[in-house]
Amino acid sequence: MEVELKGFDTLEKNVSELSNTDSIPLNDLMNPSFISSCSQYSNFEKLIEASGFKVESKEDFAAIPDQEWEQFIQKNTSYESWIEMQQAAVVDYMKANLLKGLK
């Protein structure tokens, strides 16, 4: 009896690509689908705009006071912390990229 493992090669390729990833850009993690699933905002830029902080660079984002950002995330997303939100975004990203090309 022959067993057909449809999509196994694609899955194996996806796992290999993800395992060679050193970092994931924040905009890839905080993609519109993820942001709209956990907040009333359509994308990360809109979420940041709503925070009232002026962010035009990575340095601007890094300069946001941690406690104020935490409070904003708690009040405006379904997450209890920025760390929790980032972790969920990584899981979402990994799932999406593991399954790409399989559907």
C-alpha atoms as a PDB file:
ATOM      1  CA  MET A   1       0.000   0.000   0.000  1.00  0.00           C
ATOM      2  CA  GLU A   2       1.343   3.433  -0.970  1.00  0.00           C
ATOM      3  CA  VAL A   3       0.838   6.339   1.418  1.00  0.00           C
ATOM      4  CA  GLU A   4       0.538   9.777  -0.140  1.00  0.00           C
ATOM      5  CA  LEU A   5       1.722  12.638   2.024  1.00  0.00           C
ATOM      6  CA  LYS A   6       0.317  15.511   0.041  1.00  0.00           C
ATOM      7  CA  GLY A   7       1.897  18.782   1.064  1.00  0.00           C
ATOM      8  CA  PHE A   8       4.634  17.224   3.178  1.00  0.00           C
ATOM      9  CA  ASP A   9       7.401  18.649   0.968  1.00  0.00           C
ATOM     10  CA  THR A  10       5.871  22.114   1.206  1.00  0.00           C
ATOM     11  CA  LEU A  11       5.570  21.856   4.981  1.00  0.00           C
ATOM     12  CA  GLU A  12       9.150  20.644   5.260  1.00  0.00           C
ATOM     13  CA  LYS A  13      10.339  23.598   3.131  1.00  0.00           C
ATOM     14  CA  ASN A  14       8.353  26.045   5.287  1.00  0.00           C
ATOM     15  CA  VAL A  15       9.836  24.620   8.498  1.00  0.00           C
ATOM     16  CA  SER A  16      13.317  24.925   7.034  1.00  0.00           C
ATOM     17  CA  GLU A  17      12.761  28.548   6.024  1.00  0.00           C
ATOM     18  CA  LEU A  18      11.373  29.482   9.441  1.00  0.00           C
ATOM     19  CA  SER A  19      14.203  27.765  11.291  1.00  0.00           C
ATOM     20  CA  ASN A  20      16.683  29.951   9.389  1.00  0.00           C
ATOM     21  CA  THR A  21      14.920  33.157  10.456  1.00  0.00           C
ATOM     22  CA  ASP A  22      16.910  35.277  12.907  1.00  0.00           C
ATOM     23  CA  SER A  23      14.371  38.045  13.287  1.00  0.00           C
ATOM     24  CA  ILE A  24      10.933  39.031  12.068  1.00  0.00           C
ATOM     25  CA  PRO A  25      10.166  42.663  11.245  1.00  0.00           C
ATOM     26  CA  LEU A  26       7.582  44.140  13.599  1.00  0.00           C
ATOM     27  CA  ASN A  27       5.354  45.102  10.660  1.00  0.00           C
ATOM     28  CA  ASP A  28       5.283  41.446   9.564  1.00  0.00           C
ATOM     29  CA  LEU A  29       4.267  40.345  13.059  1.00  0.00           C
ATOM     30  CA  MET A  30       1.748  43.120  13.585  1.00  0.00           C
ATOM     31  CA  ASN A  31       0.096  42.584  10.217  1.00  0.00           C
ATOM     32  CA  PRO A  32      -3.398  43.933   9.487  1.00  0.00           C
ATOM     33  CA  SER A  33      -5.052  40.560  10.039  1.00  0.00           C
ATOM     34  CA  PHE A  34      -3.500  40.165  13.481  1.00  0.00           C
ATOM     35  CA  ILE A  35      -4.157  43.758  14.569  1.00  0.00           C
ATOM     36  CA  SER A  36      -7.781  43.713  13.446  1.00  0.00           C
ATOM     37  CA  SER A  37      -8.331  40.423  15.284  1.00  0.00           C
ATOM     38  CA  CYS A  38      -7.274  41.870  18.637  1.00  0.00           C
ATOM     39  CA  SER A  39      -8.288  45.516  18.401  1.00  0.00           C
ATOM     40  CA  GLN A  40     -10.662  47.937  16.725  1.00  0.00           C
ATOM     41  CA  TYR A  41      -7.862  49.105  14.427  1.00  0.00           C
ATOM     42  CA  SER A  42      -7.250  47.926  10.870  1.00  0.00           C
ATOM     43  CA  ASN A  43      -3.455  47.939  11.057  1.00  0.00           C
ATOM     44  CA  PHE A  44      -0.490  48.638  13.322  1.00  0.00           C
ATOM     45  CA  GLU A  45      -0.043  52.185  12.026  1.00  0.00           C
ATOM     46  CA  LYS A  46      -3.627  53.049  13.028  1.00  0.00           C
ATOM     47  CA  LEU A  47      -3.057  51.483  16.446  1.00  0.00           C
ATOM     48  CA  ILE A  48       0.056  53.600  16.964  1.00  0.00           C
ATOM     49  CA  GLU A  49      -1.720  56.754  15.730  1.00  0.00           C
ATOM     50  CA  ALA A  50      -4.496  56.150  18.260  1.00  0.00           C
ATOM     51  CA  SER A  51      -1.926  55.962  21.056  1.00  0.00           C
ATOM     52  CA  GLY A  52      -1.111  59.636  20.594  1.00  0.00           C
ATOM     53  CA  PHE A  53       2.621  58.975  20.311  1.00  0.00           C
ATOM     54  CA  LYS A  54       4.436  60.397  17.295  1.00  0.00           C
ATOM     55  CA  VAL A  55       6.240  57.486  15.659  1.00  0.00           C
ATOM     56  CA  GLU A  56       8.153  58.085  12.465  1.00  0.00           C
ATOM     57  CA  SER A  57      11.102  55.761  13.087  1.00  0.00           C
ATOM     58  CA  LYS A  58      12.229  52.736  15.065  1.00  0.00           C
ATOM     59  CA  GLU A  59      13.860  55.121  17.509  1.00  0.00           C
ATOM     60  CA  ASP A  60      10.567  56.975  18.051  1.00  0.00           C
ATOM     61  CA  PHE A  61       8.814  53.684  18.775  1.00  0.00           C
ATOM     62  CA  ALA A  62      11.572  52.613  21.187  1.00  0.00           C
ATOM     63  CA  ALA A  63      11.302  55.962  22.980  1.00  0.00           C
ATOM     64  CA  ILE A  64       7.642  55.431  23.968  1.00  0.00           C
ATOM     65  CA  PRO A  65       7.526  55.105  27.771  1.00  0.00           C
ATOM     66  CA  ASP A  66       7.005  51.427  28.591  1.00  0.00           C
ATOM     67  CA  GLN A  67       4.329  51.941  31.219  1.00  0.00           C
ATOM     68  CA  GLU A  68       2.257  54.226  28.992  1.00  0.00           C
ATOM     69  CA  TRP A  69       2.496  51.792  26.076  1.00  0.00           C
ATOM     70  CA  GLU A  70       1.497  48.901  28.350  1.00  0.00           C
ATOM     71  CA  GLN A  71      -1.557  50.798  29.526  1.00  0.00           C
ATOM     72  CA  PHE A  72      -2.508  51.648  25.951  1.00  0.00           C
ATOM     73  CA  ILE A  73      -2.171  47.990  24.867  1.00  0.00           C
ATOM     74  CA  GLN A  74      -4.250  46.815  27.842  1.00  0.00           C
ATOM     75  CA  LYS A  75      -7.033  49.291  27.106  1.00  0.00           C
ATOM     76  CA  ASN A  76      -7.060  48.990  23.315  1.00  0.00           C
ATOM     77  CA  THR A  77      -6.354  45.344  22.549  1.00  0.00           C
ATOM     78  CA  SER A  78      -7.435  41.981  23.853  1.00  0.00           C
ATOM     79  CA  TYR A  79      -4.012  41.485  25.470  1.00  0.00           C
ATOM     80  CA  GLU A  80      -2.912  42.121  29.030  1.00  0.00           C
ATOM     81  CA  SER A  81       0.584  43.232  28.013  1.00  0.00           C
ATOM     82  CA  TRP A  82       2.780  44.189  25.074  1.00  0.00           C
ATOM     83  CA  ILE A  83       4.867  41.047  25.648  1.00  0.00           C
ATOM     84  CA  GLU A  84       1.753  38.860  25.522  1.00  0.00           C
ATOM     85  CA  MET A  85       0.663  40.590  22.322  1.00  0.00           C
ATOM     86  CA  GLN A  86       4.082  40.065  20.713  1.00  0.00           C
ATOM     87  CA  GLN A  87       4.111  36.393  21.702  1.00  0.00           C
ATOM     88  CA  ALA A  88       0.677  35.870  20.187  1.00  0.00           C
ATOM     89  CA  ALA A  89       1.784  37.653  17.020  1.00  0.00           C
ATOM     90  CA  VAL A  90       4.796  35.331  16.719  1.00  0.00           C
ATOM     91  CA  VAL A  91       2.569  32.261  17.090  1.00  0.00           C
ATOM     92  CA  ASP A  92       0.163  33.651  14.484  1.00  0.00           C
ATOM     93  CA  TYR A  93       3.055  34.428  12.126  1.00  0.00           C
ATOM     94  CA  MET A  94       4.589  30.965  12.555  1.00  0.00           C
ATOM     95  CA  LYS A  95       1.281  29.207  11.914  1.00  0.00           C
ATOM     96  CA  ALA A  96       0.603  31.262   8.805  1.00  0.00           C
ATOM     97  CA  ASN A  97       4.075  30.666   7.417  1.00  0.00           C
ATOM     98  CA  LEU A  98       4.133  26.969   8.222  1.00  0.00           C
ATOM     99  CA  LEU A  99       0.871  26.470   6.385  1.00  0.00           C
ATOM    100  CA  LYS A 100       1.515  28.730   3.387  1.00  0.00           C
ATOM    101  CA  GLY A 101       1.079  26.880   0.138  1.00  0.00           C
ATOM    102  CA  LEU A 102      -0.786  23.973   1.757  1.00  0.00           C
ATOM    103  CA  LYS A 103      -4.352  25.109   1.245  1.00  0.00           C
END
